[in-house]
Amino acid sequence: MPYVNLKLIGKLSKEQKAQIVAEFSETLARVAGKPSEHTYIVIEEVERENWAKGGKLFSDQ
């Protein structure tokens, strides 16, 4: 049972999310032999002020 947790800065449209989950699921089925119906995917949209790199918040860059 694969579990994918995708975190990214900003928002995606419903259509973008649908395409991502379809393609991630297809890749896991093709490469790892994991059936799509057993694949769980969570998309976490993180605000720029809650993500940092190199000691700086992305909202300050």
N, C-alpha and C. Protein backbone atom coordinates (compact mmCIF):
# COMPACT_ATOMS: atom_id res chain seq x y z
N MET A 1 0.84 -1.17 0.00
CA MET A 1 0.00 0.00 0.00
C MET A 1 0.89 1.24 0.00
N PRO A 2 1.13 1.87 -1.14
CA PRO A 2 1.93 3.08 -1.19
C PRO A 2 1.18 4.27 -0.59
N TYR A 3 1.95 5.12 0.06
CA TYR A 3 1.44 6.38 0.61
C TYR A 3 2.37 7.48 0.15
N VAL A 4 1.85 8.46 -0.57
CA VAL A 4 2.63 9.57 -1.07
C VAL A 4 2.12 10.85 -0.41
N ASN A 5 3.04 11.62 0.18
CA ASN A 5 2.68 12.89 0.79
C ASN A 5 3.42 13.98 0.04
N LEU A 6 2.71 14.73 -0.78
CA LEU A 6 3.27 15.80 -1.59
C LEU A 6 3.01 17.13 -0.90
N LYS A 7 4.09 17.83 -0.57
CA LYS A 7 3.96 19.16 0.03
C LYS A 7 4.52 20.17 -0.95
N LEU A 8 3.79 21.27 -1.12
CA LEU A 8 4.26 22.30 -2.03
C LEU A 8 3.79 23.66 -1.56
N ILE A 9 4.51 24.67 -2.01
CA ILE A 9 4.15 26.04 -1.67
C ILE A 9 3.07 26.50 -2.65
N GLY A 10 2.01 27.07 -2.11
CA GLY A 10 0.97 27.64 -2.95
C GLY A 10 -0.20 26.71 -3.16
N LYS A 11 -1.07 27.14 -4.06
CA LYS A 11 -2.33 26.43 -4.33
C LYS A 11 -2.30 25.82 -5.72
N LEU A 12 -2.98 24.69 -5.85
CA LEU A 12 -3.18 24.04 -7.14
C LEU A 12 -4.67 24.03 -7.45
N SER A 13 -5.01 24.00 -8.72
CA SER A 13 -6.41 23.85 -9.11
C SER A 13 -6.81 22.39 -8.92
N LYS A 14 -8.11 22.15 -8.91
CA LYS A 14 -8.61 20.78 -8.80
C LYS A 14 -8.12 19.95 -9.98
N GLU A 15 -8.07 20.55 -11.16
CA GLU A 15 -7.60 19.85 -12.35
C GLU A 15 -6.13 19.46 -12.22
N GLN A 16 -5.30 20.35 -11.69
CA GLN A 16 -3.89 20.03 -11.47
C GLN A 16 -3.73 18.88 -10.48
N LYS A 17 -4.50 18.92 -9.41
CA LYS A 17 -4.45 17.84 -8.41
C LYS A 17 -4.86 16.51 -9.03
N ALA A 18 -5.92 16.53 -9.82
CA ALA A 18 -6.38 15.31 -10.47
C ALA A 18 -5.31 14.73 -11.38
N GLN A 19 -4.62 15.59 -12.12
CA GLN A 19 -3.57 15.12 -13.02
C GLN A 19 -2.39 14.56 -12.23
N ILE A 20 -2.01 15.23 -11.15
CA ILE A 20 -0.90 14.75 -10.32
C ILE A 20 -1.21 13.38 -9.75
N VAL A 21 -2.40 13.20 -9.14
CA VAL A 21 -2.69 11.91 -8.52
C VAL A 21 -2.82 10.81 -9.58
N ALA A 22 -3.34 11.13 -10.74
CA ALA A 22 -3.44 10.13 -11.81
C ALA A 22 -2.05 9.69 -12.26
N GLU A 23 -1.15 10.66 -12.46
CA GLU A 23 0.18 10.33 -12.94
C GLU A 23 1.05 9.66 -11.88
N PHE A 24 0.95 10.09 -10.62
CA PHE A 24 1.69 9.41 -9.55
C PHE A 24 1.22 7.97 -9.43
N SER A 25 -0.10 7.77 -9.45
CA SER A 25 -0.65 6.42 -9.32
C SER A 25 -0.23 5.54 -10.49
N GLU A 26 -0.26 6.08 -11.70
CA GLU A 26 0.14 5.33 -12.88
C GLU A 26 1.62 4.95 -12.80
N THR A 27 2.45 5.86 -12.34
CA THR A 27 3.88 5.58 -12.22
C THR A 27 4.14 4.48 -11.21
N LEU A 28 3.48 4.53 -10.06
CA LEU A 28 3.66 3.48 -9.05
C LEU A 28 3.16 2.13 -9.57
N ALA A 29 2.10 2.13 -10.34
CA ALA A 29 1.59 0.88 -10.91
C ALA A 29 2.57 0.33 -11.94
N ARG A 30 3.08 1.19 -12.80
CA ARG A 30 3.98 0.76 -13.89
C ARG A 30 5.36 0.36 -13.36
N VAL A 31 5.93 1.17 -12.50
CA VAL A 31 7.31 0.95 -12.06
C VAL A 31 7.40 -0.04 -10.90
N ALA A 32 6.49 0.09 -9.93
CA ALA A 32 6.59 -0.72 -8.72
C ALA A 32 5.57 -1.85 -8.65
N GLY A 33 4.66 -1.92 -9.65
CA GLY A 33 3.65 -2.97 -9.65
C GLY A 33 2.61 -2.81 -8.56
N LYS A 34 2.39 -1.57 -8.10
CA LYS A 34 1.40 -1.30 -7.05
C LYS A 34 0.10 -0.85 -7.67
N PRO A 35 -0.98 -1.58 -7.47
CA PRO A 35 -2.27 -1.21 -8.07
C PRO A 35 -2.75 0.17 -7.60
N SER A 36 -3.27 0.94 -8.52
CA SER A 36 -3.74 2.29 -8.20
C SER A 36 -4.77 2.31 -7.08
N GLU A 37 -5.61 1.29 -7.03
CA GLU A 37 -6.65 1.27 -5.99
C GLU A 37 -6.09 1.08 -4.59
N HIS A 38 -4.80 0.78 -4.47
CA HIS A 38 -4.15 0.63 -3.17
C HIS A 38 -3.21 1.80 -2.86
N THR A 39 -3.20 2.81 -3.70
CA THR A 39 -2.29 3.94 -3.54
C THR A 39 -3.02 5.13 -2.91
N TYR A 40 -2.44 5.63 -1.83
CA TYR A 40 -2.97 6.81 -1.15
C TYR A 40 -2.05 7.99 -1.43
N ILE A 41 -2.64 9.14 -1.78
CA ILE A 41 -1.86 10.34 -2.06
C ILE A 41 -2.50 11.50 -1.31
N VAL A 42 -1.66 12.24 -0.58
CA VAL A 42 -2.10 13.43 0.14
C VAL A 42 -1.34 14.62 -0.43
N ILE A 43 -2.07 15.66 -0.78
CA ILE A 43 -1.45 16.89 -1.27
C ILE A 43 -1.63 17.96 -0.19
N GLU A 44 -0.51 18.48 0.28
CA GLU A 44 -0.53 19.54 1.29
C GLU A 44 -0.04 20.83 0.66
N GLU A 45 -0.92 21.82 0.63
CA GLU A 45 -0.59 23.13 0.10
C GLU A 45 -0.17 24.03 1.27
N VAL A 46 1.08 24.44 1.26
CA VAL A 46 1.66 25.18 2.38
C VAL A 46 1.81 26.65 2.00
N GLU A 47 1.39 27.53 2.89
CA GLU A 47 1.55 28.97 2.66
C GLU A 47 3.03 29.32 2.68
N ARG A 48 3.41 30.30 1.88
CA ARG A 48 4.82 30.73 1.79
C ARG A 48 5.40 31.12 3.14
N GLU A 49 4.55 31.67 4.02
CA GLU A 49 5.04 32.09 5.33
C GLU A 49 5.31 30.92 6.27
N ASN A 50 4.90 29.71 5.88
CA ASN A 50 5.12 28.52 6.71
C ASN A 50 6.21 27.61 6.17
N TRP A 51 7.00 28.10 5.22
CA TRP A 51 8.05 27.30 4.60
C TRP A 51 9.30 28.15 4.51
N ALA A 52 10.44 27.56 4.84
CA ALA A 52 11.69 28.32 4.82
C ALA A 52 12.81 27.51 4.19
N LYS A 53 13.82 28.23 3.72
CA LYS A 53 15.02 27.62 3.17
C LYS A 53 16.18 28.56 3.45
N GLY A 54 17.29 28.00 3.86
CA GLY A 54 18.47 28.82 4.11
C GLY A 54 18.27 29.87 5.18
N GLY A 55 17.43 29.58 6.16
CA GLY A 55 17.21 30.51 7.26
C GLY A 55 16.26 31.66 6.94
N LYS A 56 15.58 31.59 5.80
CA LYS A 56 14.65 32.65 5.42
C LYS A 56 13.32 32.07 5.00
N LEU A 57 12.25 32.73 5.44
CA LEU A 57 10.92 32.34 5.01
C LEU A 57 10.76 32.65 3.52
N PHE A 58 10.06 31.79 2.80
CA PHE A 58 9.80 32.05 1.39
C PHE A 58 8.98 33.32 1.21
N SER A 59 8.15 33.66 2.19
CA SER A 59 7.35 34.88 2.08
C SER A 59 8.21 36.15 2.14
N ASP A 60 9.45 36.03 2.63
CA ASP A 60 10.36 37.18 2.71
C ASP A 60 11.32 37.24 1.54
N GLN A 61 11.19 36.32 0.61
CA GLN A 61 12.12 36.28 -0.53
C GLN A 61 11.49 36.89 -1.75
